[in-house]
C-alpha atoms as a PDB file:
ATOM      1  CA  MET A   1     -19.275 -31.200   9.562  1.00  0.00           C
ATOM      2  CA  TYR A   2     -21.167 -33.998  11.888  1.00  0.00           C
ATOM      3  CA  ILE A   3     -24.546 -33.190  12.977  1.00  0.00           C
ATOM      4  CA  ASP A   4     -26.151 -35.106  15.927  1.00  0.00           C
ATOM      5  CA  PHE A   5     -29.718 -35.464  14.349  1.00  0.00           C
ATOM      6  CA  GLU A   6     -30.843 -36.888  17.798  1.00  0.00           C
ATOM      7  CA  GLN A   7     -30.106 -33.678  19.535  1.00  0.00           C
ATOM      8  CA  LEU A   8     -31.721 -31.335  16.867  1.00  0.00           C
ATOM      9  CA  LYS A   9     -35.091 -29.477  17.819  1.00  0.00           C
ATOM     10  CA  PRO A  10     -38.491 -31.221  15.873  1.00  0.00           C
ATOM     11  CA  ILE A  11     -38.354 -28.315  13.082  1.00  0.00           C
ATOM     12  CA  GLN A  12     -34.560 -28.621  12.805  1.00  0.00           C
ATOM     13  CA  LYS A  13     -35.192 -32.509  11.785  1.00  0.00           C
ATOM     14  CA  ALA A  14     -38.293 -31.308   9.888  1.00  0.00           C
ATOM     15  CA  ILE A  15     -35.742 -29.739   7.633  1.00  0.00           C
ATOM     16  CA  ILE A  16     -33.040 -32.063   6.817  1.00  0.00           C
ATOM     17  CA  GLN A  17     -35.735 -34.656   6.449  1.00  0.00           C
ATOM     18  CA  THR A  18     -37.516 -32.160   3.919  1.00  0.00           C
ATOM     19  CA  ILE A  19     -33.984 -31.485   2.106  1.00  0.00           C
ATOM     20  CA  ILE A  20     -33.046 -35.097   2.026  1.00  0.00           C
ATOM     21  CA  GLN A  21     -36.452 -35.661   0.322  1.00  0.00           C
ATOM     22  CA  THR A  22     -36.308 -32.913  -2.661  1.00  0.00           C
ATOM     23  CA  ASN A  23     -32.763 -34.410  -3.085  1.00  0.00           C
ATOM     24  CA  ASP A  24     -31.077 -30.964  -3.121  1.00  0.00           C
ATOM     25  CA  SER A  25     -28.086 -31.103  -2.332  1.00  0.00           C
ATOM     26  CA  LEU A  26     -25.737 -29.296   0.465  1.00  0.00           C
ATOM     27  CA  SER A  27     -23.045 -30.098   2.108  1.00  0.00           C
ATOM     28  CA  GLY A  28     -22.756 -29.986   6.251  1.00  0.00           C
ATOM     29  CA  ASP A  29     -21.872 -26.744   6.274  1.00  0.00           C
ATOM     30  CA  GLN A  30     -24.838 -25.127   4.367  1.00  0.00           C
ATOM     31  CA  ILE A  31     -27.093 -27.509   6.350  1.00  0.00           C
ATOM     32  CA  PHE A  32     -25.880 -25.999   9.466  1.00  0.00           C
ATOM     33  CA  LEU A  33     -26.099 -22.360   8.595  1.00  0.00           C
ATOM     34  CA  LEU A  34     -29.836 -22.834   6.929  1.00  0.00           C
ATOM     35  CA  LEU A  35     -30.773 -24.552  10.394  1.00  0.00           C
ATOM     36  CA  ASN A  36     -28.972 -22.175  12.836  1.00  0.00           C
ATOM     37  CA  GLN A  37     -31.357 -19.852  10.424  1.00  0.00           C
ATOM     38  CA  VAL A  38     -35.027 -21.507  11.876  1.00  0.00           C
ATOM     39  CA  GLU A  39     -33.589 -20.137  15.364  1.00  0.00           C
ATOM     40  CA  LYS A  40     -34.909 -16.479  14.300  1.00  0.00           C
ATOM     41  CA  LYS A  41     -38.760 -17.015  14.347  1.00  0.00           C
ATOM     42  CA  TYR A  42     -39.150 -14.831  11.356  1.00  0.00           C
ATOM     43  CA  CYS A  43     -38.053 -17.766   9.498  1.00  0.00           C
ATOM     44  CA  TYR A  44     -40.509 -20.533  10.541  1.00  0.00           C
ATOM     45  CA  ALA A  45     -43.085 -20.498   8.337  1.00  0.00           C
ATOM     46  CA  SER A  46     -41.624 -19.552   5.467  1.00  0.00           C
ATOM     47  CA  ILE A  47     -38.194 -22.097   5.073  1.00  0.00           C
ATOM     48  CA  PHE A  48     -39.806 -24.755   3.919  1.00  0.00           C
ATOM     49  CA  ASN A  49     -40.913 -22.939   0.857  1.00  0.00           C
ATOM     50  CA  ASN A  50     -37.630 -21.144   0.561  1.00  0.00           C
ATOM     51  CA  LEU A  51     -36.336 -24.752  -0.021  1.00  0.00           C
ATOM     52  CA  ARG A  52     -36.686 -24.359  -3.481  1.00  0.00           C
ATOM     53  CA  ILE A  53     -34.960 -20.698  -3.796  1.00  0.00           C
ATOM     54  CA  LEU A  54     -31.727 -23.479  -2.972  1.00  0.00           C
ATOM     55  CA  LYS A  55     -32.081 -24.614  -6.638  1.00  0.00           C
ATOM     56  CA  GLU A  56     -33.625 -21.562  -8.608  1.00  0.00           C
ATOM     57  CA  ASN A  57     -31.542 -18.831  -7.153  1.00  0.00           C
ATOM     58  CA  GLU A  58     -28.480 -20.707  -5.311  1.00  0.00           C
ATOM     59  CA  ILE A  59     -28.753 -18.759  -2.165  1.00  0.00           C
ATOM     60  CA  ILE A  60     -30.425 -19.304   1.175  1.00  0.00           C
ATOM     61  CA  ARG A  61     -33.206 -17.513   2.001  1.00  0.00           C
ATOM     62  CA  CYS A  62     -35.536 -16.365   4.692  1.00  0.00           C
ATOM     63  CA  GLU A  63     -38.728 -14.518   4.471  1.00  0.00           C
ATOM     64  CA  SER A  64     -40.146 -12.188   7.178  1.00  0.00           C
ATOM     65  CA  PRO A  65     -43.870 -12.300   7.633  1.00  0.00           C
ATOM     66  CA  SER A  66     -43.652  -9.196   9.769  1.00  0.00           C
ATOM     67  CA  GLN A  67     -42.073  -6.775   7.810  1.00  0.00           C
ATOM     68  CA  LYS A  68     -41.756  -4.387  10.945  1.00  0.00           C
ATOM     69  CA  LYS A  69     -39.236  -5.924  12.180  1.00  0.00           C
ATOM     70  CA  VAL A  70     -37.035  -7.629   9.705  1.00  0.00           C
ATOM     71  CA  PRO A  71     -36.798  -6.855   6.055  1.00  0.00           C
ATOM     72  CA  ASN A  72     -38.907  -9.278   3.892  1.00  0.00           C
ATOM     73  CA  ARG A  73     -35.979 -10.933   2.627  1.00  0.00           C
ATOM     74  CA  TYR A  74     -32.652 -11.898   3.867  1.00  0.00           C
ATOM     75  CA  LYS A  75     -29.791 -13.026   1.446  1.00  0.00           C
ATOM     76  CA  LEU A  76     -26.788 -14.813   2.722  1.00  0.00           C
ATOM     77  CA  THR A  77     -23.456 -14.809   2.241  1.00  0.00           C
ATOM     78  CA  GLU A  78     -23.356 -18.566   2.021  1.00  0.00           C
ATOM     79  CA  LYS A  79     -22.398 -19.710  -1.817  1.00  0.00           C
ATOM     80  CA  ILE A  80     -24.751 -22.863  -2.633  1.00  0.00           C
ATOM     81  CA  LYS A  81     -23.359 -23.742  -5.804  1.00  0.00           C
ATOM     82  CA  GLY A  82     -22.211 -21.663  -8.699  1.00  0.00           C
ATOM     83  CA  SER A  83     -22.592 -18.532  -8.550  1.00  0.00           C
ATOM     84  CA  ILE A  84     -24.886 -16.660  -6.413  1.00  0.00           C
ATOM     85  CA  GLY A  85     -27.706 -15.285  -8.804  1.00  0.00           C
ATOM     86  CA  SER A  86     -29.373 -11.910  -8.332  1.00  0.00           C
ATOM     87  CA  GLY A  87     -31.394 -12.662  -5.898  1.00  0.00           C
ATOM     88  CA  LYS A  88     -34.954 -11.998  -7.976  1.00  0.00           C
END
């Protein structure tokens, strides 16, 4: 999948740069899925902290600062690599 870096929003550019800097190995589809998540306001604040979860649990996960609006954690069905972990 081709992603036009110049057409991305600043937060999306920052996420791609963070992925590159942290050496996470993601496919274009997985990066696209991650970028789509930042469209949801509850993902903005925690998306960078959750990049480390890609390696630990092999799941893209967003945590909500407001538990009133959405559940505390979302587990997406997109598999990153290997088997999907327990989500802990």
